[in-house]
Amino acid sequence: MRKSLRAALVLSALAGVLTATAPASASAVNAGEQFHVCYKNSDCNMGFSTGTIAWSLPSALVNISGSVVNRRNSDYSTTVIFETFNDLGEKRTSDSRTVSDGAKRINFSPNAGHIWRIKITVCQNFPGVGQRCGTPENYSRR
């Protein structure tokens, strides 16, 4: 009985040491929310952006990765605007990426914490006409 008690105490102490020295868990990052936003909702031929929004909890940081695509051999360019908002609806950041011909990879983290919503707008930049934007899409932290 004494050996059993001693073994139980040793195992209990060892479990405590292992628990105390275990690495702290990192912030939870979801697998990512997919997005696909076009200049014109009915026609993605002219320009679009596609990718993943990875929300990091509990800090509400975010990483955006994917691509911005413009029709090859066109006389215009495509700009995608990524606007972030906090839980009160206040705008935190605005970043844009432009491509003139083909596709451009994107991978960035907006320089702000507590991001709860991202608005993505795809715009076309026409020579002599200016910028025309499609309907924005909103993505929210769940």
Protein backbone atom coordinates (compact mmCIF):
# COMPACT_ATOMS: atom_id res chain seq x y z
CA MET A 1 0.00 0.00 0.00
CA ARG A 2 2.84 2.34 0.82
CA LYS A 3 4.39 1.73 -2.63
CA SER A 4 1.03 2.46 -4.29
CA LEU A 5 0.67 5.72 -2.40
CA ARG A 6 4.24 6.77 -3.23
CA ALA A 7 3.72 5.89 -6.93
CA ALA A 8 0.50 7.92 -7.00
CA LEU A 9 2.25 10.93 -5.44
CA VAL A 10 5.16 10.70 -7.92
CA LEU A 11 2.76 10.47 -10.86
CA SER A 12 0.74 13.39 -9.54
CA ALA A 13 3.87 15.54 -9.12
CA LEU A 14 5.11 14.57 -12.58
CA ALA A 15 1.77 15.51 -14.13
CA GLY A 16 1.97 18.91 -12.42
CA VAL A 17 5.47 19.54 -13.76
CA LEU A 18 4.46 18.54 -17.29
CA THR A 19 1.44 20.83 -17.15
CA ALA A 20 3.48 23.75 -15.85
CA THR A 21 6.14 23.38 -18.55
CA ALA A 22 3.78 22.80 -21.47
CA PRO A 23 3.90 25.59 -24.06
CA ALA A 24 1.09 28.13 -23.92
CA SER A 25 -1.41 27.76 -26.69
CA ALA A 26 -1.17 30.32 -29.48
CA SER A 27 -4.04 32.57 -30.42
CA ALA A 28 -6.67 30.66 -32.29
CA VAL A 29 -6.67 31.27 -36.02
CA ASN A 30 -9.57 29.94 -38.03
CA ALA A 31 -8.99 27.98 -41.22
CA GLY A 32 -9.93 31.07 -43.18
CA GLU A 33 -12.96 32.56 -44.83
CA GLN A 34 -12.95 32.47 -48.63
CA PHE A 35 -13.78 35.58 -50.64
CA HIS A 36 -14.41 36.24 -54.33
CA VAL A 37 -15.40 39.77 -55.30
CA CYS A 38 -15.94 40.95 -58.91
CA TYR A 39 -16.09 44.36 -60.55
CA LYS A 40 -19.52 43.47 -61.88
CA ASN A 41 -21.38 40.76 -60.00
CA SER A 42 -22.70 39.25 -63.23
CA ASP A 43 -19.32 39.25 -65.01
CA CYS A 44 -15.98 38.47 -63.39
CA ASN A 45 -14.15 38.77 -66.72
CA MET A 46 -13.09 42.39 -66.24
CA GLY A 47 -11.48 42.19 -62.81
CA PHE A 48 -11.82 40.46 -59.47
CA SER A 49 -10.11 39.49 -56.25
CA THR A 50 -10.14 36.08 -54.65
CA GLY A 51 -8.52 34.66 -51.56
CA THR A 52 -8.76 33.95 -47.86
CA ILE A 53 -9.35 36.06 -44.77
CA ALA A 54 -7.78 34.47 -41.68
CA TRP A 55 -9.24 35.86 -38.46
CA SER A 56 -7.00 35.59 -35.38
CA LEU A 57 -8.77 35.39 -32.04
CA PRO A 58 -9.04 36.86 -29.42
CA SER A 59 -7.05 39.88 -30.66
CA ALA A 60 -9.18 40.26 -33.81
CA LEU A 61 -6.13 40.59 -36.04
CA VAL A 62 -6.53 39.51 -39.64
CA ASN A 63 -4.45 38.33 -42.59
CA ILE A 64 -5.61 38.64 -46.19
CA SER A 65 -4.07 36.47 -48.89
CA GLY A 66 -5.01 35.67 -52.46
CA SER A 67 -4.83 37.55 -55.73
CA VAL A 68 -6.05 40.57 -57.67
CA VAL A 69 -6.84 39.79 -61.32
CA ASN A 70 -7.25 42.06 -64.34
CA ARG A 71 -8.11 40.97 -67.87
CA ARG A 72 -4.93 40.48 -69.92
CA ASN A 73 -4.18 42.89 -72.75
CA SER A 74 -6.79 45.40 -71.58
CA ASP A 75 -6.48 49.16 -71.65
CA TYR A 76 -7.54 49.52 -68.00
CA SER A 77 -6.33 48.32 -64.60
CA THR A 78 -8.08 46.77 -61.60
CA THR A 79 -7.79 48.14 -58.06
CA VAL A 80 -9.11 46.26 -55.04
CA ILE A 81 -9.76 48.25 -51.85
CA PHE A 82 -9.73 46.46 -48.49
CA GLU A 83 -11.32 48.52 -45.69
CA THR A 84 -11.40 47.28 -42.10
CA PHE A 85 -13.84 48.22 -39.34
CA ASN A 86 -13.98 47.59 -35.59
CA ASP A 87 -16.96 46.21 -33.65
CA LEU A 88 -18.44 49.74 -33.37
CA GLY A 89 -18.41 50.16 -37.15
CA GLU A 90 -15.54 52.66 -37.10
CA LYS A 91 -13.16 52.48 -40.04
CA ARG A 92 -9.70 51.27 -38.97
CA THR A 93 -7.65 50.95 -42.18
CA SER A 94 -7.84 51.16 -45.95
CA ASP A 95 -5.40 49.26 -48.17
CA SER A 96 -5.48 48.85 -51.93
CA ARG A 97 -3.75 46.67 -54.50
CA THR A 98 -3.67 47.39 -58.26
CA VAL A 99 -2.79 45.17 -61.22
CA SER A 100 -2.60 46.28 -64.85
CA ASP A 101 -2.30 43.01 -66.75
CA GLY A 102 -2.92 39.51 -65.43
CA ALA A 103 -2.75 38.57 -61.75
CA LYS A 104 -0.93 39.84 -58.68
CA ARG A 105 -0.50 37.80 -55.48
CA ILE A 106 -1.45 39.53 -52.23
CA ASN A 107 -0.59 38.63 -48.65
CA PHE A 108 -0.84 41.27 -45.95
CA SER A 109 -2.14 42.05 -42.48
CA PRO A 110 -3.88 45.42 -42.05
CA ASN A 111 -2.07 47.51 -39.45
CA ALA A 112 -4.84 47.51 -36.84
CA GLY A 113 -6.25 45.30 -34.14
CA HIS A 114 -9.86 44.66 -33.17
CA ILE A 115 -11.00 44.16 -36.76
CA TRP A 116 -14.54 42.78 -36.95
CA ARG A 117 -15.51 43.49 -40.57
CA ILE A 118 -13.72 43.82 -43.91
CA LYS A 119 -15.26 45.55 -46.90
CA ILE A 120 -13.77 44.56 -50.27
CA THR A 121 -14.45 46.73 -53.33
CA VAL A 122 -13.22 46.00 -56.86
CA CYS A 123 -12.70 49.03 -59.11
CA GLN A 124 -11.70 49.51 -62.75
CA ASN A 125 -9.43 52.38 -63.74
CA PHE A 126 -10.39 53.49 -67.27
CA PRO A 127 -8.12 55.91 -69.17
CA GLY A 128 -9.86 59.23 -69.79
CA VAL A 129 -12.89 58.14 -67.75
CA GLY A 130 -11.53 57.52 -64.26
CA GLN A 131 -12.29 54.92 -61.64
CA ARG A 132 -15.56 52.97 -61.58
CA CYS A 133 -16.28 50.64 -58.67
CA GLY A 134 -18.50 47.62 -58.33
CA THR A 135 -20.72 46.67 -55.41
CA PRO A 136 -18.63 46.04 -52.26
CA GLU A 137 -18.80 42.76 -50.36
CA ASN A 138 -18.59 42.59 -46.56
CA TYR A 139 -17.01 39.80 -44.51
CA SER A 140 -17.39 39.65 -40.73
CA ARG A 141 -15.66 37.84 -37.94
CA ARG A 142 -17.90 35.09 -36.61
